[in-house]
PDB file of all heavy atoms in Angstrom:
ATOM      1  N   PRO A   1     122.029 160.701 183.279  1.00  0.00           N
ATOM      2  CA  PRO A   1     121.499 161.251 184.632  1.00  0.00           C
ATOM      3  C   PRO A   1     120.349 162.235 184.460  1.00  0.00           C
ATOM      4  O   PRO A   1     119.579 162.343 185.317  1.00  0.00           O
ATOM      5  CB  PRO A   1     122.761 161.816 185.300  1.00  0.00           C
ATOM      6  CG  PRO A   1     123.944 161.165 184.612  1.00  0.00           C
ATOM      7  CD  PRO A   1     123.522 160.886 183.233  1.00  0.00           C
ATOM      8  N   GLY A   2     120.455 163.089 183.392  1.00  0.00           N
ATOM      9  CA  GLY A   2     119.506 164.194 183.239  1.00  0.00           C
ATOM     10  C   GLY A   2     118.011 163.691 183.266  1.00  0.00           C
ATOM     11  O   GLY A   2     117.130 164.339 183.806  1.00  0.00           O
ATOM     12  N   ASP A   3     117.755 162.496 182.641  1.00  0.00           N
ATOM     13  CA  ASP A   3     116.455 162.029 182.581  1.00  0.00           C
ATOM     14  C   ASP A   3     116.315 160.514 183.026  1.00  0.00           C
ATOM     15  O   ASP A   3     115.367 159.886 182.992  1.00  0.00           O
ATOM     16  CB  ASP A   3     115.779 162.104 181.133  1.00  0.00           C
ATOM     17  CG  ASP A   3     116.620 161.376 180.169  1.00  0.00           C
ATOM     18  OD1 ASP A   3     117.490 160.604 180.453  1.00  0.00           O
ATOM     19  OD2 ASP A   3     116.225 161.634 178.971  1.00  0.00           O
ATOM     20  N   ASP A   4     117.438 160.043 183.634  1.00  0.00           N
ATOM     21  CA  ASP A   4     117.536 158.685 184.210  1.00  0.00           C
ATOM     22  C   ASP A   4     117.334 157.627 183.106  1.00  0.00           C
ATOM     23  O   ASP A   4     117.049 156.398 183.573  1.00  0.00           O
ATOM     24  CB  ASP A   4     116.639 158.545 185.321  1.00  0.00           C
ATOM     25  CG  ASP A   4     117.126 157.503 186.335  1.00  0.00           C
ATOM     26  OD1 ASP A   4     118.300 157.382 186.542  1.00  0.00           O
ATOM     27  OD2 ASP A   4     116.240 156.868 186.919  1.00  0.00           O
ATOM     28  N   ARG A   5     117.517 157.927 181.884  1.00  0.00           N
ATOM     29  CA  ARG A   5     117.398 156.859 180.842  1.00  0.00           C
ATOM     30  C   ARG A   5     118.605 155.960 180.845  1.00  0.00           C
ATOM     31  O   ARG A   5     119.713 156.492 180.990  1.00  0.00           O
ATOM     32  CB  ARG A   5     117.151 157.418 179.483  1.00  0.00           C
ATOM     33  CG  ARG A   5     115.847 158.154 179.336  1.00  0.00           C
ATOM     34  CD  ARG A   5     115.622 158.627 177.975  1.00  0.00           C
ATOM     35  NE  ARG A   5     115.541 157.582 176.958  1.00  0.00           N
ATOM     36  CZ  ARG A   5     115.398 157.686 175.679  1.00  0.00           C
ATOM     37  NH1 ARG A   5     115.231 158.849 175.142  1.00  0.00           N
ATOM     38  NH2 ARG A   5     115.302 156.570 174.815  1.00  0.00           N
ATOM     39  N   GLU A   6     118.408 154.732 180.694  1.00  0.00           N
ATOM     40  CA  GLU A   6     119.466 153.775 180.747  1.00  0.00           C
ATOM     41  C   GLU A   6     119.303 152.586 179.720  1.00  0.00           C
ATOM     42  O   GLU A   6     118.141 152.266 179.328  1.00  0.00           O
ATOM     43  CB  GLU A   6     119.594 153.135 182.123  1.00  0.00           C
ATOM     44  CG  GLU A   6     120.757 152.195 182.382  1.00  0.00           C
ATOM     45  CD  GLU A   6     120.852 151.740 183.756  1.00  0.00           C
ATOM     46  OE1 GLU A   6     119.811 151.879 184.541  1.00  0.00           O
ATOM     47  OE2 GLU A   6     121.961 151.270 184.210  1.00  0.00           O
ATOM     48  N   ARG A   7     120.446 152.162 179.206  1.00  0.00           N
ATOM     49  CA  ARG A   7     120.431 151.032 178.226  1.00  0.00           C
ATOM     50  C   ARG A   7     121.628 150.158 178.535  1.00  0.00           C
ATOM     51  O   ARG A   7     122.737 150.691 178.745  1.00  0.00           O
ATOM     52  CB  ARG A   7     120.440 151.532 176.859  1.00  0.00           C
ATOM     53  CG  ARG A   7     120.431 150.413 175.761  1.00  0.00           C
ATOM     54  CD  ARG A   7     120.253 150.924 174.380  1.00  0.00           C
ATOM     55  NE  ARG A   7     121.508 151.752 173.949  1.00  0.00           N
ATOM     56  CZ  ARG A   7     121.660 152.173 172.721  1.00  0.00           C
ATOM     57  NH1 ARG A   7     120.712 152.029 171.843  1.00  0.00           N
ATOM     58  NH2 ARG A   7     122.721 152.854 172.450  1.00  0.00           N
ATOM     59  N   THR A   8     121.440 148.864 178.484  1.00  0.00           N
ATOM     60  CA  THR A   8     122.553 147.973 178.530  1.00  0.00           C
ATOM     61  C   THR A   8     122.576 147.056 177.253  1.00  0.00           C
ATOM     62  O   THR A   8     121.519 146.491 176.911  1.00  0.00           O
ATOM     63  CB  THR A   8     122.452 146.989 179.822  1.00  0.00           C
ATOM     64  OG1 THR A   8     122.624 147.803 180.969  1.00  0.00           O
ATOM     65  CG2 THR A   8     123.548 145.946 179.815  1.00  0.00           C
ATOM     66  N   THR A   9     123.737 147.005 176.647  1.00  0.00           N
ATOM     67  CA  THR A   9     123.909 146.300 175.407  1.00  0.00           C
ATOM     68  C   THR A   9     124.773 145.083 175.625  1.00  0.00           C
ATOM     69  O   THR A   9     125.893 145.184 176.262  1.00  0.00           O
ATOM     70  CB  THR A   9     124.511 147.152 174.311  1.00  0.00           C
ATOM     71  OG1 THR A   9     123.673 148.325 174.118  1.00  0.00           O
ATOM     72  CG2 THR A   9     124.573 146.337 173.015  1.00  0.00           C
ATOM     73  N   GLU A  10     124.292 143.895 175.278  1.00  0.00           N
ATOM     74  CA  GLU A  10     125.081 142.655 175.432  1.00  0.00           C
ATOM     75  C   GLU A  10     126.010 142.486 174.223  1.00  0.00           C
ATOM     76  O   GLU A  10     125.555 142.194 173.161  1.00  0.00           O
ATOM     77  CB  GLU A  10     124.130 141.384 175.603  1.00  0.00           C
ATOM     78  CG  GLU A  10     123.168 141.496 176.651  1.00  0.00           C
ATOM     79  CD  GLU A  10     123.803 141.262 178.067  1.00  0.00           C
ATOM     80  OE1 GLU A  10     125.020 140.722 178.086  1.00  0.00           O
ATOM     81  OE2 GLU A  10     123.228 141.679 179.011  1.00  0.00           O
ATOM     82  N   VAL A  11     127.263 142.846 174.394  1.00  0.00           N
ATOM     83  CA  VAL A  11     128.243 142.708 173.293  1.00  0.00           C
ATOM     84  C   VAL A  11     128.864 141.390 173.211  1.00  0.00           C
ATOM     85  O   VAL A  11     129.202 140.864 172.075  1.00  0.00           O
ATOM     86  CB  VAL A  11     129.300 143.856 173.542  1.00  0.00           C
ATOM     87  CG1 VAL A  11     130.386 143.753 172.352  1.00  0.00           C
ATOM     88  CG2 VAL A  11     128.698 145.236 173.433  1.00  0.00           C
ATOM     89  N   GLY A  12     129.148 140.808 174.423  1.00  0.00           N
ATOM     90  CA  GLY A  12     129.723 139.473 174.497  1.00  0.00           C
ATOM     91  C   GLY A  12     131.264 139.553 174.509  1.00  0.00           C
ATOM     92  O   GLY A  12     131.880 140.611 174.215  1.00  0.00           O
ATOM     93  N   GLY A  13     131.898 138.412 174.828  1.00  0.00           N
ATOM     94  CA  GLY A  13     133.348 138.407 174.901  1.00  0.00           C
ATOM     95  C   GLY A  13     133.792 139.217 176.154  1.00  0.00           C
ATOM     96  O   GLY A  13     132.990 139.557 176.946  1.00  0.00           O
ATOM     97  N   GLU A  14     135.132 139.378 176.200  1.00  0.00           N
ATOM     98  CA  GLU A  14     135.725 140.271 177.241  1.00  0.00           C
ATOM     99  C   GLU A  14     135.795 141.624 176.735  1.00  0.00           C
ATOM    100  O   GLU A  14     136.615 142.023 175.999  1.00  0.00           O
ATOM    101  CB  GLU A  14     137.140 139.670 177.600  1.00  0.00           C
ATOM    102  CG  GLU A  14     137.094 138.384 178.308  1.00  0.00           C
ATOM    103  CD  GLU A  14     138.456 137.815 178.627  1.00  0.00           C
ATOM    104  OE1 GLU A  14     139.326 137.685 177.771  1.00  0.00           O
ATOM    105  OE2 GLU A  14     138.754 137.689 179.827  1.00  0.00           O
ATOM    106  N   LEU A  15     134.826 142.370 177.099  1.00  0.00           N
ATOM    107  CA  LEU A  15     134.617 143.787 176.623  1.00  0.00           C
ATOM    108  C   LEU A  15     135.387 144.696 177.541  1.00  0.00           C
ATOM    109  O   LEU A  15     134.799 145.192 178.616  1.00  0.00           O
ATOM    110  CB  LEU A  15     133.191 144.169 176.438  1.00  0.00           C
ATOM    111  CG  LEU A  15     132.881 145.591 175.951  1.00  0.00           C
ATOM    112  CD1 LEU A  15     133.335 145.770 174.468  1.00  0.00           C
ATOM    113  CD2 LEU A  15     131.353 145.846 176.079  1.00  0.00           C
ATOM    114  N   SER A  16     136.602 145.095 177.328  1.00  0.00           N
ATOM    115  CA  SER A  16     137.388 145.840 178.160  1.00  0.00           C
ATOM    116  C   SER A  16     137.232 147.353 178.100  1.00  0.00           C
ATOM    117  O   SER A  16     137.518 148.088 179.014  1.00  0.00           O
ATOM    118  CB  SER A  16     138.883 145.453 177.987  1.00  0.00           C
ATOM    119  OG  SER A  16     139.324 145.770 176.649  1.00  0.00           O
ATOM    120  N   ALA A  17     136.759 147.829 177.069  1.00  0.00           N
ATOM    121  CA  ALA A  17     136.478 149.347 176.925  1.00  0.00           C
ATOM    122  C   ALA A  17     135.601 149.582 175.808  1.00  0.00           C
ATOM    123  O   ALA A  17     135.461 148.949 174.879  1.00  0.00           O
ATOM    124  CB  ALA A  17     137.925 150.008 176.579  1.00  0.00           C
ATOM    125  N   ALA A  18     134.817 150.733 176.025  1.00  0.00           N
ATOM    126  CA  ALA A  18     134.029 151.382 174.966  1.00  0.00           C
ATOM    127  C   ALA A  18     134.192 152.850 174.969  1.00  0.00           C
ATOM    128  O   ALA A  18     133.967 153.504 175.921  1.00  0.00           O
ATOM    129  CB  ALA A  18     132.499 151.067 175.242  1.00  0.00           C
ATOM    130  N   VAL A  19     134.885 153.312 173.914  1.00  0.00           N
ATOM    131  CA  VAL A  19     135.265 154.747 173.744  1.00  0.00           C
ATOM    132  C   VAL A  19     134.318 155.386 172.785  1.00  0.00           C
ATOM    133  O   VAL A  19     134.227 154.947 171.619  1.00  0.00           O
ATOM    134  CB  VAL A  19     136.697 154.775 173.257  1.00  0.00           C
ATOM    135  CG1 VAL A  19     137.153 156.234 173.091  1.00  0.00           C
ATOM    136  CG2 VAL A  19     137.601 154.126 174.241  1.00  0.00           C
ATOM    137  N   PRO A  20     133.721 156.504 173.090  1.00  0.00           N
ATOM    138  CA  PRO A  20     132.875 157.203 172.199  1.00  0.00           C
ATOM    139  C   PRO A  20     133.593 157.672 170.926  1.00  0.00           C
ATOM    140  O   PRO A  20     134.775 157.917 170.925  1.00  0.00           O
ATOM    141  CB  PRO A  20     132.308 158.473 172.991  1.00  0.00           C
ATOM    142  CG  PRO A  20     132.540 158.044 174.423  1.00  0.00           C
ATOM    143  CD  PRO A  20     133.812 157.177 174.452  1.00  0.00           C
ATOM    144  N   ARG A  21     132.839 157.639 169.812  1.00  0.00           N
ATOM    145  CA  ARG A  21     133.423 158.018 168.520  1.00  0.00           C
ATOM    146  C   ARG A  21     132.743 159.465 168.128  1.00  0.00           C
ATOM    147  O   ARG A  21     131.695 159.740 168.444  1.00  0.00           O
ATOM    148  CB  ARG A  21     132.930 157.006 167.460  1.00  0.00           C
ATOM    149  CG  ARG A  21     133.501 157.222 166.026  1.00  0.00           C
ATOM    150  CD  ARG A  21     133.251 155.975 165.219  1.00  0.00           C
ATOM    151  NE  ARG A  21     133.474 156.267 163.799  1.00  0.00           N
ATOM    152  CZ  ARG A  21     132.547 156.511 162.965  1.00  0.00           C
ATOM    153  NH1 ARG A  21     131.272 156.439 163.282  1.00  0.00           N
ATOM    154  NH2 ARG A  21     132.802 156.777 161.621  1.00  0.00           N
ATOM    155  N   ARG A  22     133.726 160.240 167.499  1.00  0.00           N
ATOM    156  CA  ARG A  22     133.213 161.587 167.163  1.00  0.00           C
ATOM    157  C   ARG A  22     131.939 161.632 166.285  1.00  0.00           C
ATOM    158  O   ARG A  22     131.114 162.517 166.585  1.00  0.00           O
ATOM    159  CB  ARG A  22     134.349 162.277 166.405  1.00  0.00           C
ATOM    160  CG  ARG A  22     134.110 163.684 166.067  1.00  0.00           C
ATOM    161  CD  ARG A  22     135.177 164.327 165.200  1.00  0.00           C
ATOM    162  NE  ARG A  22     135.358 163.593 163.979  1.00  0.00           N
ATOM    163  CZ  ARG A  22     136.318 163.648 163.105  1.00  0.00           C
ATOM    164  NH1 ARG A  22     137.310 164.432 163.376  1.00  0.00           N
ATOM    165  NH2 ARG A  22     136.343 162.938 162.006  1.00  0.00           N
ATOM    166  N   ASP A  23     131.829 160.776 165.443  1.00  0.00           N
ATOM    167  CA  ASP A  23     130.603 160.774 164.547  1.00  0.00           C
ATOM    168  C   ASP A  23     129.536 159.773 164.980  1.00  0.00           C
ATOM    169  O   ASP A  23     128.651 159.404 164.263  1.00  0.00           O
ATOM    170  CB  ASP A  23     131.067 160.431 163.106  1.00  0.00           C
ATOM    171  CG  ASP A  23     132.000 161.464 162.565  1.00  0.00           C
ATOM    172  OD1 ASP A  23     131.820 162.604 162.937  1.00  0.00           O
ATOM    173  OD2 ASP A  23     132.915 161.031 161.696  1.00  0.00           O
ATOM    174  N   GLY A  24     129.535 159.477 166.308  1.00  0.00           N
ATOM    175  CA  GLY A  24     128.507 158.462 166.740  1.00  0.00           C
ATOM    176  C   GLY A  24     129.049 157.052 166.774  1.00  0.00           C
ATOM    177  O   GLY A  24     129.905 156.640 166.021  1.00  0.00           O
ATOM    178  N   GLY A  25     128.477 156.234 167.679  1.00  0.00           N
ATOM    179  CA  GLY A  25     128.945 154.905 167.900  1.00  0.00           C
ATOM    180  C   GLY A  25     130.154 154.840 168.766  1.00  0.00           C
ATOM    181  O   GLY A  25     130.393 155.705 169.586  1.00  0.00           O
ATOM    182  N   TRP A  26     130.864 153.790 168.668  1.00  0.00           N
ATOM    183  CA  TRP A  26     131.904 153.455 169.705  1.00  0.00           C
ATOM    184  C   TRP A  26     133.148 152.817 168.972  1.00  0.00           C
ATOM    185  O   TRP A  26     132.998 152.201 167.854  1.00  0.00           O
ATOM    186  CB  TRP A  26     131.362 152.418 170.640  1.00  0.00           C
ATOM    187  CG  TRP A  26     130.075 152.740 171.272  1.00  0.00           C
ATOM    188  CD1 TRP A  26     128.901 152.492 170.877  1.00  0.00           C
ATOM    189  CD2 TRP A  26     129.922 153.500 172.488  1.00  0.00           C
ATOM    190  NE1 TRP A  26     127.932 152.971 171.625  1.00  0.00           N
ATOM    191  CE2 TRP A  26     128.521 153.666 172.741  1.00  0.00           C
ATOM    192  CE3 TRP A  26     130.856 154.064 173.381  1.00  0.00           C
ATOM    193  CZ2 TRP A  26     127.987 154.377 173.824  1.00  0.00           C
ATOM    194  CZ3 TRP A  26     130.258 154.789 174.475  1.00  0.00           C
ATOM    195  CH2 TRP A  26     128.922 154.847 174.730  1.00  0.00           C
ATOM    196  N   VAL A  27     134.313 152.921 169.693  1.00  0.00           N
ATOM    197  CA  VAL A  27     135.377 151.914 169.454  1.00  0.00           C
ATOM    198  C   VAL A  27     135.265 150.995 170.678  1.00  0.00           C
ATOM    199  O   VAL A  27     135.339 151.391 171.807  1.00  0.00           O
ATOM    200  CB  VAL A  27     136.725 152.677 169.439  1.00  0.00           C
ATOM    201  CG1 VAL A  27     137.835 151.586 169.291  1.00  0.00           C
ATOM    202  CG2 VAL A  27     136.783 153.647 168.259  1.00  0.00           C
ATOM    203  N   LEU A  28     135.098 149.652 170.371  1.00  0.00           N
ATOM    204  CA  LEU A  28     135.114 148.672 171.400  1.00  0.00           C
ATOM    205  C   LEU A  28     136.310 147.886 171.406  1.00  0.00           C
ATOM    206  O   LEU A  28     136.862 147.477 170.342  1.00  0.00           O
ATOM    207  CB  LEU A  28     133.915 147.739 171.056  1.00  0.00           C
ATOM    208  CG  LEU A  28     132.465 148.355 170.932  1.00  0.00           C
ATOM    209  CD1 LEU A  28     131.539 147.205 170.583  1.00  0.00           C
ATOM    210  CD2 LEU A  28     132.150 149.084 172.186  1.00  0.00           C
ATOM    211  N   ALA A  29     136.837 147.646 172.555  1.00  0.00           N
ATOM    212  CA  ALA A  29     137.977 146.751 172.769  1.00  0.00           C
ATOM    213  C   ALA A  29     137.532 145.464 173.361  1.00  0.00           C
ATOM    214  O   ALA A  29     137.039 145.391 174.466  1.00  0.00           O
ATOM    215  CB  ALA A  29     138.982 147.451 173.814  1.00  0.00           C
TER     216      ALA A  29
END
């Protein structure tokens, strides 16, 4: 929201969750 930058990533499948990771990146369900 601070600069209104946005990105959408096509992961595919039934992507039920994306949890931030401490060292960067994600845990994807």
